[in-house]
C-alpha atoms as a PDB file:
ATOM      1  CA  MET A   1      -0.064  -0.193   0.219  1.00  0.00           C
ATOM      2  CA  ILE A   2       0.894   3.155  -1.153  1.00  0.00           C
ATOM      3  CA  ILE A   3       0.040   6.376   0.870  1.00  0.00           C
ATOM      4  CA  ARG A   4       0.444   9.505  -1.711  1.00  0.00           C
ATOM      5  CA  GLN A   5      -1.017  13.006  -1.180  1.00  0.00           C
ATOM      6  CA  CYS A   6      -4.575  13.001  -4.096  1.00  0.00           C
ATOM      7  CA  GLU A   7      -4.091  14.620  -7.011  1.00  0.00           C
ATOM      8  CA  PRO A   8      -6.811  16.609  -9.527  1.00  0.00           C
ATOM      9  CA  ALA A   9      -6.568  13.592 -11.570  1.00  0.00           C
ATOM     10  CA  ASP A  10      -7.502  11.414  -8.566  1.00  0.00           C
ATOM     11  CA  LEU A  11     -10.902  13.354  -7.584  1.00  0.00           C
ATOM     12  CA  ASP A  12     -13.371  11.203  -9.220  1.00  0.00           C
ATOM     13  CA  GLU A  13     -12.185   8.119  -8.007  1.00  0.00           C
ATOM     14  CA  ALA A  14     -11.742  10.136  -4.378  1.00  0.00           C
ATOM     15  CA  TYR A  15     -15.378  10.950  -5.392  1.00  0.00           C
ATOM     16  CA  ARG A  16     -16.413   7.143  -5.880  1.00  0.00           C
ATOM     17  CA  VAL A  17     -14.389   6.183  -2.869  1.00  0.00           C
ATOM     18  CA  ILE A  18     -16.677   8.278  -0.631  1.00  0.00           C
ATOM     19  CA  ASN A  19     -19.701   7.422  -1.722  1.00  0.00           C
ATOM     20  CA  ASP A  20     -19.109   3.917  -2.193  1.00  0.00           C
ATOM     21  CA  ALA A  21     -18.339   4.315   2.031  1.00  0.00           C
ATOM     22  CA  ALA A  22     -20.948   6.906   2.665  1.00  0.00           C
ATOM     23  CA  ALA A  23     -23.610   4.417   2.446  1.00  0.00           C
ATOM     24  CA  ALA A  24     -22.798   3.161   5.523  1.00  0.00           C
ATOM     25  CA  TYR A  25     -24.316   6.543   7.019  1.00  0.00           C
ATOM     26  CA  ARG A  26     -28.052   6.276   4.523  1.00  0.00           C
ATOM     27  CA  THR A  27     -29.940   4.396   7.787  1.00  0.00           C
ATOM     28  CA  THR A  28     -27.392   5.260  10.666  1.00  0.00           C
ATOM     29  CA  ILE A  29     -27.755   9.343  10.297  1.00  0.00           C
ATOM     30  CA  PRO A  30     -30.753  11.050  10.266  1.00  0.00           C
ATOM     31  CA  SER A  31     -33.099  11.081   6.876  1.00  0.00           C
ATOM     32  CA  ASP A  32     -32.833  14.870   6.971  1.00  0.00           C
ATOM     33  CA  ARG A  33     -28.729  14.690   6.603  1.00  0.00           C
ATOM     34  CA  TRP A  34     -28.698  12.212   3.874  1.00  0.00           C
ATOM     35  CA  ASN A  35     -28.167  13.355   0.079  1.00  0.00           C
ATOM     36  CA  GLU A  36     -27.756  10.987  -2.439  1.00  0.00           C
ATOM     37  CA  PRO A  37     -24.543  10.601  -3.865  1.00  0.00           C
ATOM     38  CA  TYR A  38     -23.895  11.899   0.057  1.00  0.00           C
ATOM     39  CA  MET A  39     -21.182  14.012  -0.569  1.00  0.00           C
ATOM     40  CA  SER A  40     -21.340  15.937  -4.527  1.00  0.00           C
ATOM     41  CA  ARG A  41     -18.313  16.339  -6.490  1.00  0.00           C
ATOM     42  CA  GLU A  42     -19.201  19.914  -6.462  1.00  0.00           C
ATOM     43  CA  GLU A  43     -18.755  20.066  -2.722  1.00  0.00           C
ATOM     44  CA  LEU A  44     -15.822  17.393  -2.942  1.00  0.00           C
ATOM     45  CA  GLN A  45     -13.876  20.449  -5.080  1.00  0.00           C
ATOM     46  CA  GLY A  46     -15.544  23.031  -2.497  1.00  0.00           C
ATOM     47  CA  GLU A  47     -13.637  20.924   0.744  1.00  0.00           C
ATOM     48  CA  ILE A  48      -9.850  21.172  -1.407  1.00  0.00           C
ATOM     49  CA  GLU A  49     -10.296  24.852  -2.395  1.00  0.00           C
ATOM     50  CA  ALA A  50     -11.526  25.689   1.167  1.00  0.00           C
ATOM     51  CA  GLY A  51      -7.904  23.949   2.233  1.00  0.00           C
ATOM     52  CA  VAL A  52      -8.413  20.559   2.850  1.00  0.00           C
ATOM     53  CA  VAL A  53      -5.496  18.400   1.559  1.00  0.00           C
ATOM     54  CA  PHE A  54      -6.646  15.032   0.942  1.00  0.00           C
ATOM     55  CA  TRP A  55      -4.611  11.831   1.367  1.00  0.00           C
ATOM     56  CA  GLY A  56      -4.536   7.901  -0.295  1.00  0.00           C
ATOM     57  CA  ALA A  57      -4.325   4.308   0.013  1.00  0.00           C
ATOM     58  CA  PHE A  58      -3.364   3.131  -2.975  1.00  0.00           C
ATOM     59  CA  ASP A  59      -2.516  -0.774  -3.880  1.00  0.00           C
ATOM     60  CA  ASP A  60      -0.927  -0.351  -7.482  1.00  0.00           C
ATOM     61  CA  GLU A  61      -3.231   2.661  -8.997  1.00  0.00           C
ATOM     62  CA  VAL A  62      -6.383   1.571  -7.233  1.00  0.00           C
ATOM     63  CA  LEU A  63      -7.638   3.955  -4.738  1.00  0.00           C
ATOM     64  CA  LEU A  64      -8.435   2.168  -1.471  1.00  0.00           C
ATOM     65  CA  GLY A  65      -8.988   4.704   0.835  1.00  0.00           C
ATOM     66  CA  VAL A  66      -9.007   8.767   1.439  1.00  0.00           C
ATOM     67  CA  MET A  67      -8.477  10.970   4.300  1.00  0.00           C
ATOM     68  CA  GLY A  68      -8.254  15.199   4.442  1.00  0.00           C
ATOM     69  CA  LEU A  69      -6.624  17.291   6.805  1.00  0.00           C
ATOM     70  CA  GLN A  70      -7.190  20.520   6.993  1.00  0.00           C
ATOM     71  CA  GLU A  71      -5.742  23.476   9.506  1.00  0.00           C
ATOM     72  CA  VAL A  72      -8.102  25.793  10.401  1.00  0.00           C
ATOM     73  CA  ALA A  73      -6.154  28.588  13.121  1.00  0.00           C
ATOM     74  CA  ASP A  74      -4.626  26.476  15.798  1.00  0.00           C
ATOM     75  CA  VAL A  75      -5.718  22.687  15.500  1.00  0.00           C
ATOM     76  CA  ALA A  76      -5.533  20.077  12.531  1.00  0.00           C
ATOM     77  CA  LEU A  77      -8.534  18.760  11.581  1.00  0.00           C
ATOM     78  CA  VAL A  78      -9.234  15.329  10.147  1.00  0.00           C
ATOM     79  CA  ARG A  79     -12.032  15.374   7.383  1.00  0.00           C
ATOM     80  CA  HIS A  80     -13.578  13.017   5.416  1.00  0.00           C
ATOM     81  CA  ALA A  81     -11.811   9.577   5.968  1.00  0.00           C
ATOM     82  CA  TYR A  82     -13.085   6.705   4.407  1.00  0.00           C
ATOM     83  CA  THR A  83     -12.170   3.534   2.943  1.00  0.00           C
ATOM     84  CA  ARG A  84     -13.484   1.499   0.117  1.00  0.00           C
ATOM     85  CA  THR A  85     -16.214  -1.335   1.073  1.00  0.00           C
ATOM     86  CA  THR A  86     -14.550  -3.674  -0.174  1.00  0.00           C
ATOM     87  CA  SER A  87     -10.825  -2.421   1.527  1.00  0.00           C
ATOM     88  CA  GLN A  88     -12.768  -2.233   4.420  1.00  0.00           C
ATOM     89  CA  GLY A  89     -10.453  -3.956   7.936  1.00  0.00           C
ATOM     90  CA  MET A  90      -7.218  -3.957   5.742  1.00  0.00           C
ATOM     91  CA  GLY A  91      -5.520  -1.439   7.774  1.00  0.00           C
ATOM     92  CA  VAL A  92      -6.493   1.444   5.019  1.00  0.00           C
ATOM     93  CA  GLY A  93      -7.747   3.733   7.467  1.00  0.00           C
ATOM     94  CA  THR A  94      -5.190   3.258  10.703  1.00  0.00           C
ATOM     95  CA  THR A  95      -2.222   4.105   7.806  1.00  0.00           C
ATOM     96  CA  LEU A  96      -3.656   7.104   6.489  1.00  0.00           C
ATOM     97  CA  LEU A  97      -3.954   8.383  10.348  1.00  0.00           C
ATOM     98  CA  GLU A  98      -0.485   7.703  11.061  1.00  0.00           C
ATOM     99  CA  CYS A  99       0.537   9.557   7.456  1.00  0.00           C
ATOM    100  CA  LEU A 100      -2.087  12.487   8.815  1.00  0.00           C
ATOM    101  CA  ARG A 101      -1.255  12.470  12.288  1.00  0.00           C
ATOM    102  CA  SER A 102       2.920  12.468  10.539  1.00  0.00           C
ATOM    103  CA  GLN A 103       1.990  15.578   8.597  1.00  0.00           C
ATOM    104  CA  ALA A 104       0.641  17.976  11.949  1.00  0.00           C
ATOM    105  CA  SER A 105       2.480  20.014  14.029  1.00  0.00           C
ATOM    106  CA  ARG A 106      -0.947  21.357  15.815  1.00  0.00           C
ATOM    107  CA  PRO A 107      -3.291  19.258  18.240  1.00  0.00           C
ATOM    108  CA  MET A 108      -6.032  17.235  15.664  1.00  0.00           C
ATOM    109  CA  LEU A 109      -9.646  16.986  16.316  1.00  0.00           C
ATOM    110  CA  VAL A 110     -11.950  14.615  14.668  1.00  0.00           C
ATOM    111  CA  GLY A 111     -15.822  15.135  13.801  1.00  0.00           C
ATOM    112  CA  THR A 112     -18.277  12.308  13.027  1.00  0.00           C
ATOM    113  CA  TRP A 113     -21.889  11.537  13.173  1.00  0.00           C
ATOM    114  CA  ARG A 114     -22.499  10.888  16.886  1.00  0.00           C
ATOM    115  CA  ALA A 115     -25.327   7.057  15.408  1.00  0.00           C
ATOM    116  CA  ALA A 116     -21.541   6.368  13.376  1.00  0.00           C
ATOM    117  CA  THR A 117     -20.365   4.322  16.696  1.00  0.00           C
ATOM    118  CA  TRP A 118     -17.169   2.339  14.375  1.00  0.00           C
ATOM    119  CA  ALA A 119     -15.800   5.287  13.248  1.00  0.00           C
ATOM    120  CA  ILE A 120     -16.390   6.935  17.376  1.00  0.00           C
ATOM    121  CA  ARG A 121     -15.009   3.022  17.736  1.00  0.00           C
ATOM    122  CA  PHE A 122     -12.113   3.670  15.614  1.00  0.00           C
ATOM    123  CA  TYR A 123     -10.797   6.834  16.048  1.00  0.00           C
ATOM    124  CA  GLU A 124     -10.608   5.968  20.350  1.00  0.00           C
ATOM    125  CA  ARG A 125      -8.556   2.942  19.109  1.00  0.00           C
ATOM    126  CA  HIS A 126      -5.827   5.542  17.802  1.00  0.00           C
ATOM    127  CA  GLY A 127      -5.411   7.395  21.059  1.00  0.00           C
ATOM    128  CA  PHE A 128      -8.204  10.253  20.462  1.00  0.00           C
ATOM    129  CA  THR A 129     -11.049  10.786  23.052  1.00  0.00           C
ATOM    130  CA  LEU A 130     -14.607  12.264  22.718  1.00  0.00           C
ATOM    131  CA  VAL A 131     -14.626  15.444  24.222  1.00  0.00           C
ATOM    132  CA  THR A 132     -17.510  17.343  26.267  1.00  0.00           C
ATOM    133  CA  ASP A 133     -21.456  18.039  25.009  1.00  0.00           C
ATOM    134  CA  GLN A 134     -20.610  21.342  25.477  1.00  0.00           C
ATOM    135  CA  GLN A 135     -16.853  21.093  24.216  1.00  0.00           C
ATOM    136  CA  LYS A 136     -18.036  19.626  20.816  1.00  0.00           C
ATOM    137  CA  ASP A 137     -20.848  22.125  20.553  1.00  0.00           C
ATOM    138  CA  VAL A 138     -18.008  25.007  20.876  1.00  0.00           C
ATOM    139  CA  LEU A 139     -15.281  23.364  18.923  1.00  0.00           C
ATOM    140  CA  LEU A 140     -17.926  22.362  15.828  1.00  0.00           C
ATOM    141  CA  ARG A 141     -19.091  26.100  15.204  1.00  0.00           C
ATOM    142  CA  ARG A 142     -15.681  27.456  15.477  1.00  0.00           C
ATOM    143  CA  TYR A 143     -13.686  25.128  13.147  1.00  0.00           C
ATOM    144  CA  TRP A 144     -16.032  23.360  10.974  1.00  0.00           C
ATOM    145  CA  THR A 145     -18.485  25.386   8.560  1.00  0.00           C
ATOM    146  CA  ILE A 146     -21.313  23.218   9.259  1.00  0.00           C
ATOM    147  CA  PRO A 147     -25.383  23.005   9.526  1.00  0.00           C
ATOM    148  CA  GLU A 148     -26.653  23.446  12.776  1.00  0.00           C
ATOM    149  CA  ARG A 149     -28.767  20.472  12.541  1.00  0.00           C
ATOM    150  CA  GLN A 150     -25.286  18.178  12.117  1.00  0.00           C
ATOM    151  CA  VAL A 151     -23.757  20.003  15.073  1.00  0.00           C
ATOM    152  CA  GLU A 152     -26.457  18.559  17.021  1.00  0.00           C
ATOM    153  CA  GLU A 153     -26.025  14.837  15.570  1.00  0.00           C
ATOM    154  CA  SER A 154     -22.513  14.696  15.621  1.00  0.00           C
ATOM    155  CA  VAL A 155     -19.415  14.262  18.473  1.00  0.00           C
ATOM    156  CA  VAL A 156     -15.759  15.699  18.256  1.00  0.00           C
ATOM    157  CA  LEU A 157     -12.720  13.698  19.654  1.00  0.00           C
ATOM    158  CA  ALA A 158      -9.699  15.209  20.162  1.00  0.00           C
ATOM    159  CA  ASP A 159      -6.073  13.762  20.813  1.00  0.00           C
ATOM    160  CA  VAL A 160      -3.877  13.766  23.641  1.00  0.00           C
ATOM    161  CA  ARG A 161      -2.145  16.975  22.447  1.00  0.00           C
ATOM    162  CA  TRP A 162      -5.468  19.018  22.645  1.00  0.00           C
ATOM    163  CA  PHE A 163      -6.202  17.914  25.904  1.00  0.00           C
ATOM    164  CA  GLU A 164      -2.756  18.609  26.953  1.00  0.00           C
ATOM    165  CA  ARG A 165      -3.564  22.439  25.909  1.00  0.00           C
ATOM    166  CA  SER A 166      -6.310  22.885  26.924  1.00  0.00           C
END
């Protein structure tokens, strides 16, 4: 498996990976938060323009998973972490997260859906800890640009550097 920064030529395949993996949310998150496709090409391009740097895990030339890193103010956000369904459980997410950690010089935060218990467990296994609901609301409004309804349905996990600083 090779990890490298995604290039513009990888955008269509990243779009397919994201929407393949996001199908797990279809019956988990509130129906008013589900879109078809979950993330449009325009939204993906907008995230890149907003500073999300996507990294990809490749097997030969096949994109297995993507994970974005976005520096906002004094933190680094893990954004849009998705592994192709056929590649889940093979260490793709772990390898991508390790790559992002090596890139980040700031405390790291990750937001995910409260109902995505598998994602929460993944980040907890890798040293992230849930913040309180009060902290979560403040952090989501400060560092993310998401609808209020998504703030209500989300959680935030932080790495040890964030807790040491707080």
